[in-house]
Amino acid sequence: MERKILFAWDFHGTLEKGNERAVQELCNLVLKDFGINRELSLKEVLDWYGLSWFDYFKNAFLAGSPELWQNMVNKVFSYQKTGWELIKKYISAQDFAEDVLKKIKERGHQNIILTNSKQDHAEKFIETLGFAKYFDKIAGVDGYLNAHKNLSTEEKKQNAKADALKEFLLGSNFTKIIMIGDNESDIRAGKMVGAKTYLFAAPGKNKKTEATGADHIIFDLREVLKEL
């Protein structure tokens, strides 16, 4: 029997780099539109990376209200054309990402994306980098969040990714599952399905890594290839 391994990947901050600059510029456009004399620094964006748009605006303007923060989120999505132009301007593949994905595929194993995005946005992000051919499934887990309404933001994200992964695993027979991400929620999602977990600490991101409980902490995506 063929022995297949599943590699489950986070996207933002793991397989891509540069999107944080698009997030920074979009946030600052919105703050300006709402007459708020405040600009987010790149450090703030990186510190909050992985949070929802709602939480970004809440952190950026604590004197606001849930209604105002939601209106800011709606404004972001009204910038559809501008937003994708900024993403294409800044986003690029993480170092060695394509080499790693290609090698996994060539060896007969499978890759799946689990990202905190709407499905159509997830697909567009992957297409922007030309990575679609390497994935057996692209899962934007935004639609899974509603099943966990009473949990914290981080708990919602980890449960949503775990739910999407469990759904993909139905009827499958992988010899092992590898989860790779840059946030604690990715690691916890992997643990919920019995995966071996890799925390990717991207150069220059200064993430806290020790407390995540990851099986491995890596600084180069090629290190996951030892699982083949």
C-alpha atoms as a PDB file:
ATOM      1  CA  MET A   1       0.000   0.000   0.000  1.00  0.00           C
ATOM      2  CA  GLU A   2       1.271   3.476  -0.932  1.00  0.00           C
ATOM      3  CA  ARG A   3       2.268   5.528   2.095  1.00  0.00           C
ATOM      4  CA  LYS A   4       0.998   9.094   1.766  1.00  0.00           C
ATOM      5  CA  ILE A   5       1.740  12.060   3.998  1.00  0.00           C
ATOM      6  CA  LEU A   6      -0.482  15.137   4.255  1.00  0.00           C
ATOM      7  CA  PHE A   7       1.157  18.519   4.707  1.00  0.00           C
ATOM      8  CA  ALA A   8      -1.363  21.065   6.046  1.00  0.00           C
ATOM      9  CA  TRP A   9      -0.184  24.641   5.566  1.00  0.00           C
ATOM     10  CA  ASP A  10      -1.124  28.009   6.974  1.00  0.00           C
ATOM     11  CA  PHE A  11      -0.751  30.701   4.308  1.00  0.00           C
ATOM     12  CA  HIS A  12      -0.153  34.217   5.643  1.00  0.00           C
ATOM     13  CA  GLY A  13       3.291  34.540   7.156  1.00  0.00           C
ATOM     14  CA  THR A  14       4.119  30.930   6.296  1.00  0.00           C
ATOM     15  CA  LEU A  15       4.004  30.439   2.533  1.00  0.00           C
ATOM     16  CA  GLU A  16       3.924  34.154   1.696  1.00  0.00           C
ATOM     17  CA  LYS A  17       5.700  37.280   2.816  1.00  0.00           C
ATOM     18  CA  GLY A  18       4.942  40.952   2.289  1.00  0.00           C
ATOM     19  CA  ASN A  19       1.181  40.880   2.796  1.00  0.00           C
ATOM     20  CA  GLU A  20       1.645  42.688   6.112  1.00  0.00           C
ATOM     21  CA  ARG A  21       2.598  45.825   4.125  1.00  0.00           C
ATOM     22  CA  ALA A  22      -0.657  45.640   2.171  1.00  0.00           C
ATOM     23  CA  VAL A  23      -2.534  45.257   5.479  1.00  0.00           C
ATOM     24  CA  GLN A  24      -0.715  48.294   6.887  1.00  0.00           C
ATOM     25  CA  GLU A  25      -1.544  50.465   3.891  1.00  0.00           C
ATOM     26  CA  LEU A  26      -5.201  49.383   3.808  1.00  0.00           C
ATOM     27  CA  CYS A  27      -5.643  50.014   7.541  1.00  0.00           C
ATOM     28  CA  ASN A  28      -4.147  53.464   7.233  1.00  0.00           C
ATOM     29  CA  LEU A  29      -6.404  54.323   4.271  1.00  0.00           C
ATOM     30  CA  VAL A  30      -9.443  53.368   6.348  1.00  0.00           C
ATOM     31  CA  LEU A  31      -8.296  55.281   9.440  1.00  0.00           C
ATOM     32  CA  LYS A  32      -7.799  58.365   7.257  1.00  0.00           C
ATOM     33  CA  ASP A  33     -11.239  57.951   5.658  1.00  0.00           C
ATOM     34  CA  PHE A  34     -12.815  57.927   9.123  1.00  0.00           C
ATOM     35  CA  GLY A  35     -10.957  61.094  10.107  1.00  0.00           C
ATOM     36  CA  ILE A  36      -8.719  59.357  12.645  1.00  0.00           C
ATOM     37  CA  ASN A  37      -5.327  61.014  12.966  1.00  0.00           C
ATOM     38  CA  ARG A  38      -3.415  57.785  13.446  1.00  0.00           C
ATOM     39  CA  GLU A  39      -1.217  55.558  11.306  1.00  0.00           C
ATOM     40  CA  LEU A  40      -0.290  51.988  12.094  1.00  0.00           C
ATOM     41  CA  SER A  41       3.384  51.157  12.137  1.00  0.00           C
ATOM     42  CA  LEU A  42       4.672  48.014  10.482  1.00  0.00           C
ATOM     43  CA  LYS A  43       5.659  46.730  13.935  1.00  0.00           C
ATOM     44  CA  GLU A  44       2.041  47.032  15.134  1.00  0.00           C
ATOM     45  CA  VAL A  45       0.791  45.181  12.072  1.00  0.00           C
ATOM     46  CA  LEU A  46       3.300  42.381  12.665  1.00  0.00           C
ATOM     47  CA  ASP A  47       2.466  42.197  16.375  1.00  0.00           C
ATOM     48  CA  TRP A  48      -1.233  41.774  15.498  1.00  0.00           C
ATOM     49  CA  TYR A  49      -0.690  39.631  12.406  1.00  0.00           C
ATOM     50  CA  GLY A  50      -3.292  36.883  12.151  1.00  0.00           C
ATOM     51  CA  LEU A  51      -6.011  38.892  13.934  1.00  0.00           C
ATOM     52  CA  SER A  52      -9.282  39.732  12.214  1.00  0.00           C
ATOM     53  CA  TRP A  53      -9.804  43.113  10.537  1.00  0.00           C
ATOM     54  CA  PHE A  54     -12.237  43.921  13.346  1.00  0.00           C
ATOM     55  CA  ASP A  55      -9.517  43.364  15.963  1.00  0.00           C
ATOM     56  CA  TYR A  56      -7.025  45.412  13.961  1.00  0.00           C
ATOM     57  CA  PHE A  57      -9.309  48.436  14.054  1.00  0.00           C
ATOM     58  CA  LYS A  58     -10.248  47.843  17.664  1.00  0.00           C
ATOM     59  CA  ASN A  59      -6.555  47.856  18.621  1.00  0.00           C
ATOM     60  CA  ALA A  60      -5.839  50.836  16.387  1.00  0.00           C
ATOM     61  CA  PHE A  61      -8.656  52.998  17.800  1.00  0.00           C
ATOM     62  CA  LEU A  62      -9.616  51.868  21.297  1.00  0.00           C
ATOM     63  CA  ALA A  63     -11.883  54.900  21.756  1.00  0.00           C
ATOM     64  CA  GLY A  64     -14.213  53.562  19.069  1.00  0.00           C
ATOM     65  CA  SER A  65     -17.213  51.243  19.335  1.00  0.00           C
ATOM     66  CA  PRO A  66     -18.152  47.827  17.902  1.00  0.00           C
ATOM     67  CA  GLU A  67     -20.343  49.588  15.349  1.00  0.00           C
ATOM     68  CA  LEU A  68     -17.500  51.871  14.251  1.00  0.00           C
ATOM     69  CA  TRP A  69     -14.969  49.029  14.060  1.00  0.00           C
ATOM     70  CA  GLN A  70     -17.388  46.975  11.939  1.00  0.00           C
ATOM     71  CA  ASN A  71     -17.948  49.954   9.638  1.00  0.00           C
ATOM     72  CA  MET A  72     -14.182  50.130   9.212  1.00  0.00           C
ATOM     73  CA  VAL A  73     -14.110  46.441   8.297  1.00  0.00           C
ATOM     74  CA  ASN A  74     -16.873  47.036   5.737  1.00  0.00           C
ATOM     75  CA  LYS A  75     -14.808  49.882   4.302  1.00  0.00           C
ATOM     76  CA  VAL A  76     -11.845  47.537   3.789  1.00  0.00           C
ATOM     77  CA  PHE A  77     -14.022  45.203   1.729  1.00  0.00           C
ATOM     78  CA  SER A  78     -15.324  48.143  -0.307  1.00  0.00           C
ATOM     79  CA  TYR A  79     -11.730  48.677  -1.448  1.00  0.00           C
ATOM     80  CA  GLN A  80     -11.738  45.402  -3.399  1.00  0.00           C
ATOM     81  CA  LYS A  81      -9.802  46.703  -6.423  1.00  0.00           C
ATOM     82  CA  THR A  82      -7.390  48.798  -4.365  1.00  0.00           C
ATOM     83  CA  GLY A  83      -6.873  45.945  -1.910  1.00  0.00           C
ATOM     84  CA  TRP A  84      -5.857  43.410  -4.556  1.00  0.00           C
ATOM     85  CA  GLU A  85      -3.615  45.954  -6.270  1.00  0.00           C
ATOM     86  CA  LEU A  86      -1.799  46.446  -2.954  1.00  0.00           C
ATOM     87  CA  ILE A  87      -1.566  42.704  -2.365  1.00  0.00           C
ATOM     88  CA  LYS A  88      -0.046  42.148  -5.816  1.00  0.00           C
ATOM     89  CA  LYS A  89       2.335  45.038  -5.143  1.00  0.00           C
ATOM     90  CA  TYR A  90       3.685  43.637  -1.879  1.00  0.00           C
ATOM     91  CA  ILE A  91       3.091  39.892  -1.681  1.00  0.00           C
ATOM     92  CA  SER A  92       5.681  37.305  -2.705  1.00  0.00           C
ATOM     93  CA  ALA A  93       6.429  33.666  -1.994  1.00  0.00           C
ATOM     94  CA  GLN A  94       8.207  32.831   1.234  1.00  0.00           C
ATOM     95  CA  ASP A  95      11.798  31.715   0.701  1.00  0.00           C
ATOM     96  CA  PHE A  96      11.910  28.146  -0.684  1.00  0.00           C
ATOM     97  CA  ALA A  97       8.107  27.750  -0.457  1.00  0.00           C
ATOM     98  CA  GLU A  98       7.639  26.673  -4.064  1.00  0.00           C
ATOM     99  CA  ASP A  99      10.599  24.280  -3.965  1.00  0.00           C
ATOM    100  CA  VAL A 100       9.175  22.573  -0.857  1.00  0.00           C
ATOM    101  CA  LEU A 101       5.601  22.319  -2.186  1.00  0.00           C
ATOM    102  CA  LYS A 102       6.835  20.998  -5.531  1.00  0.00           C
ATOM    103  CA  LYS A 103       9.032  18.333  -3.946  1.00  0.00           C
ATOM    104  CA  ILE A 104       6.172  17.119  -1.723  1.00  0.00           C
ATOM    105  CA  LYS A 105       3.884  16.837  -4.761  1.00  0.00           C
ATOM    106  CA  GLU A 106       6.523  15.113  -6.883  1.00  0.00           C
ATOM    107  CA  ARG A 107       7.051  12.492  -4.175  1.00  0.00           C
ATOM    108  CA  GLY A 108       3.357  11.596  -4.352  1.00  0.00           C
ATOM    109  CA  HIS A 109       2.237  13.243  -1.108  1.00  0.00           C
ATOM    110  CA  GLN A 110      -0.426  15.921  -0.638  1.00  0.00           C
ATOM    111  CA  ASN A 111      -0.621  19.592   0.374  1.00  0.00           C
ATOM    112  CA  ILE A 112      -3.647  21.419   1.761  1.00  0.00           C
ATOM    113  CA  ILE A 113      -4.011  25.130   2.611  1.00  0.00           C
ATOM    114  CA  LEU A 114      -5.907  26.188   5.752  1.00  0.00           C
ATOM    115  CA  THR A 115      -6.144  29.969   5.871  1.00  0.00           C
ATOM    116  CA  ASN A 116      -8.205  32.496   7.846  1.00  0.00           C
ATOM    117  CA  SER A 117      -9.861  33.919   4.732  1.00  0.00           C
ATOM    118  CA  LYS A 118     -13.064  33.679   2.771  1.00  0.00           C
ATOM    119  CA  GLN A 119     -12.914  30.855   0.219  1.00  0.00           C
ATOM    120  CA  ASP A 120     -12.763  33.091  -2.857  1.00  0.00           C
ATOM    121  CA  HIS A 121     -10.058  35.239  -1.249  1.00  0.00           C
ATOM    122  CA  ALA A 122      -8.032  32.156  -0.312  1.00  0.00           C
ATOM    123  CA  GLU A 123      -8.137  30.908  -3.905  1.00  0.00           C
ATOM    124  CA  LYS A 124      -7.141  34.327  -5.237  1.00  0.00           C
ATOM    125  CA  PHE A 125      -4.170  34.564  -2.864  1.00  0.00           C
ATOM    126  CA  ILE A 126      -2.894  31.145  -3.989  1.00  0.00           C
ATOM    127  CA  GLU A 127      -3.405  31.996  -7.656  1.00  0.00           C
ATOM    128  CA  THR A 128      -1.497  35.272  -7.185  1.00  0.00           C
ATOM    129  CA  LEU A 129       1.597  33.272  -6.215  1.00  0.00           C
ATOM    130  CA  GLY A 130       0.995  30.568  -8.844  1.00  0.00           C
ATOM    131  CA  PHE A 131       0.774  27.845  -6.188  1.00  0.00           C
ATOM    132  CA  ALA A 132      -2.633  26.322  -7.018  1.00  0.00           C
ATOM    133  CA  LYS A 133      -1.108  23.370  -8.886  1.00  0.00           C
ATOM    134  CA  TYR A 134       0.608  22.141  -5.727  1.00  0.00           C
ATOM    135  CA  PHE A 135      -2.548  21.828  -3.587  1.00  0.00           C
ATOM    136  CA  ASP A 136      -5.161  19.116  -3.338  1.00  0.00           C
ATOM    137  CA  LYS A 137      -7.402  21.467  -1.358  1.00  0.00           C
ATOM    138  CA  ILE A 138      -7.517  25.201  -0.678  1.00  0.00           C
ATOM    139  CA  ALA A 139      -9.649  25.843   2.413  1.00  0.00           C
ATOM    140  CA  GLY A 140     -10.609  29.354   3.405  1.00  0.00           C
ATOM    141  CA  VAL A 141     -11.857  28.606   6.909  1.00  0.00           C
ATOM    142  CA  ASP A 142     -13.864  31.813   7.422  1.00  0.00           C
ATOM    143  CA  GLY A 143     -17.069  29.823   6.945  1.00  0.00           C
ATOM    144  CA  TYR A 144     -16.209  27.495   9.822  1.00  0.00           C
ATOM    145  CA  LEU A 145     -15.916  30.287  12.405  1.00  0.00           C
ATOM    146  CA  ASN A 146     -19.647  30.597  13.125  1.00  0.00           C
ATOM    147  CA  ALA A 147     -19.696  27.151  14.709  1.00  0.00           C
ATOM    148  CA  HIS A 148     -17.540  28.542  17.534  1.00  0.00           C
ATOM    149  CA  LYS A 149     -19.204  31.893  18.309  1.00  0.00           C
ATOM    150  CA  ASN A 150     -18.636  31.827  22.071  1.00  0.00           C
ATOM    151  CA  LEU A 151     -14.881  31.276  21.895  1.00  0.00           C
ATOM    152  CA  SER A 152     -12.045  33.808  21.814  1.00  0.00           C
ATOM    153  CA  THR A 153     -10.668  34.912  18.428  1.00  0.00           C
ATOM    154  CA  GLU A 154      -7.659  32.588  18.692  1.00  0.00           C
ATOM    155  CA  GLU A 155      -9.829  29.647  19.759  1.00  0.00           C
ATOM    156  CA  LYS A 156     -12.217  30.293  16.875  1.00  0.00           C
ATOM    157  CA  LYS A 157      -9.355  30.214  14.392  1.00  0.00           C
ATOM    158  CA  GLN A 158      -7.788  27.038  15.721  1.00  0.00           C
ATOM    159  CA  ASN A 159     -11.148  25.231  15.834  1.00  0.00           C
ATOM    160  CA  ALA A 160     -12.093  26.432  12.344  1.00  0.00           C
ATOM    161  CA  LYS A 161      -8.832  25.108  10.892  1.00  0.00           C
ATOM    162  CA  ALA A 162      -9.220  21.837  12.773  1.00  0.00           C
ATOM    163  CA  ASP A 163     -12.807  21.476  11.472  1.00  0.00           C
ATOM    164  CA  ALA A 164     -11.721  22.060   7.863  1.00  0.00           C
ATOM    165  CA  LEU A 165      -8.870  19.587   8.219  1.00  0.00           C
ATOM    166  CA  LYS A 166     -11.088  16.918   9.811  1.00  0.00           C
ATOM    167  CA  GLU A 167     -13.533  17.317   6.928  1.00  0.00           C
ATOM    168  CA  PHE A 168     -10.743  16.812   4.394  1.00  0.00           C
ATOM    169  CA  LEU A 169      -9.464  13.744   6.265  1.00  0.00           C
ATOM    170  CA  LEU A 170     -12.809  11.901   6.136  1.00  0.00           C
ATOM    171  CA  GLY A 171     -12.286   8.615   4.327  1.00  0.00           C
ATOM    172  CA  SER A 172      -8.549   9.210   3.868  1.00  0.00           C
ATOM    173  CA  ASN A 173      -5.707   7.035   5.075  1.00  0.00           C
ATOM    174  CA  PHE A 174      -2.594   9.180   5.491  1.00  0.00           C
ATOM    175  CA  THR A 175       0.333   7.622   7.319  1.00  0.00           C
ATOM    176  CA  LYS A 176       0.973  10.957   9.045  1.00  0.00           C
ATOM    177  CA  ILE A 177      -0.195  14.554   9.048  1.00  0.00           C
ATOM    178  CA  ILE A 178       2.173  17.525   9.269  1.00  0.00           C
ATOM    179  CA  MET A 179       0.824  20.977  10.230  1.00  0.00           C
ATOM    180  CA  ILE A 180       2.958  24.018   9.435  1.00  0.00           C
ATOM    181  CA  GLY A 181       2.076  27.556  10.539  1.00  0.00           C
ATOM    182  CA  ASP A 182       3.422  30.700  12.127  1.00  0.00           C
ATOM    183  CA  ASN A 183       0.913  31.124  14.962  1.00  0.00           C
ATOM    184  CA  GLU A 184      -0.052  29.268  18.111  1.00  0.00           C
ATOM    185  CA  SER A 185      -3.558  28.720  16.723  1.00  0.00           C
ATOM    186  CA  ASP A 186      -2.032  26.762  13.808  1.00  0.00           C
ATOM    187  CA  ILE A 187      -0.144  24.531  16.220  1.00  0.00           C
ATOM    188  CA  ARG A 188      -3.225  23.915  18.359  1.00  0.00           C
ATOM    189  CA  ALA A 189      -5.309  23.118  15.275  1.00  0.00           C
ATOM    190  CA  GLY A 190      -2.724  20.539  14.273  1.00  0.00           C
ATOM    191  CA  LYS A 191      -2.697  18.998  17.745  1.00  0.00           C
ATOM    192  CA  MET A 192      -6.493  18.650  17.613  1.00  0.00           C
ATOM    193  CA  VAL A 193      -6.183  16.216  14.679  1.00  0.00           C
ATOM    194  CA  GLY A 194      -3.072  14.397  15.897  1.00  0.00           C
ATOM    195  CA  ALA A 195      -0.662  16.106  13.521  1.00  0.00           C
ATOM    196  CA  LYS A 196       3.045  16.608  14.018  1.00  0.00           C
ATOM    197  CA  THR A 197       3.416  20.392  14.255  1.00  0.00           C
ATOM    198  CA  TYR A 198       6.005  22.795  12.874  1.00  0.00           C
ATOM    199  CA  LEU A 199       6.053  26.441  13.931  1.00  0.00           C
ATOM    200  CA  PHE A 200       7.645  28.562  11.207  1.00  0.00           C
ATOM    201  CA  ALA A 201       9.431  31.572  12.667  1.00  0.00           C
ATOM    202  CA  ALA A 202       9.835  33.830   9.655  1.00  0.00           C
ATOM    203  CA  PRO A 203      13.007  35.937   9.614  1.00  0.00           C
ATOM    204  CA  GLY A 204      12.435  39.394  11.084  1.00  0.00           C
ATOM    205  CA  LYS A 205       8.992  38.647  12.532  1.00  0.00           C
ATOM    206  CA  ASN A 206      10.226  38.330  16.170  1.00  0.00           C
ATOM    207  CA  LYS A 207       7.455  35.931  17.105  1.00  0.00           C
ATOM    208  CA  LYS A 208       7.368  34.323  20.527  1.00  0.00           C
ATOM    209  CA  THR A 209       8.000  30.690  19.734  1.00  0.00           C
ATOM    210  CA  GLU A 210       8.796  28.770  22.906  1.00  0.00           C
ATOM    211  CA  ALA A 211       5.306  28.728  24.449  1.00  0.00           C
ATOM    212  CA  THR A 212       3.387  27.389  21.442  1.00  0.00           C
ATOM    213  CA  GLY A 213       3.903  23.704  22.209  1.00  0.00           C
ATOM    214  CA  ALA A 214       5.046  22.983  18.644  1.00  0.00           C
ATOM    215  CA  ASP A 215       6.917  19.744  18.055  1.00  0.00           C
ATOM    216  CA  HIS A 216       9.475  21.649  15.986  1.00  0.00           C
ATOM    217  CA  ILE A 217      10.412  25.315  15.524  1.00  0.00           C
ATOM    218  CA  ILE A 218      11.942  26.057  12.122  1.00  0.00           C
ATOM    219  CA  PHE A 219      13.410  29.091  10.403  1.00  0.00           C
ATOM    220  CA  ASP A 220      13.611  27.544   6.919  1.00  0.00           C
ATOM    221  CA  LEU A 221      10.650  25.796   5.240  1.00  0.00           C
ATOM    222  CA  ARG A 222      12.962  23.169   3.749  1.00  0.00           C
ATOM    223  CA  GLU A 223      13.261  21.624   7.202  1.00  0.00           C
ATOM    224  CA  VAL A 224       9.826  19.984   6.814  1.00  0.00           C
ATOM    225  CA  LEU A 225      11.202  17.839   3.991  1.00  0.00           C
ATOM    226  CA  LYS A 226      12.851  15.574   6.549  1.00  0.00           C
ATOM    227  CA  GLU A 227       9.343  14.107   7.000  1.00  0.00           C
ATOM    228  CA  LEU A 228       9.420  12.602   3.493  1.00  0.00           C
END
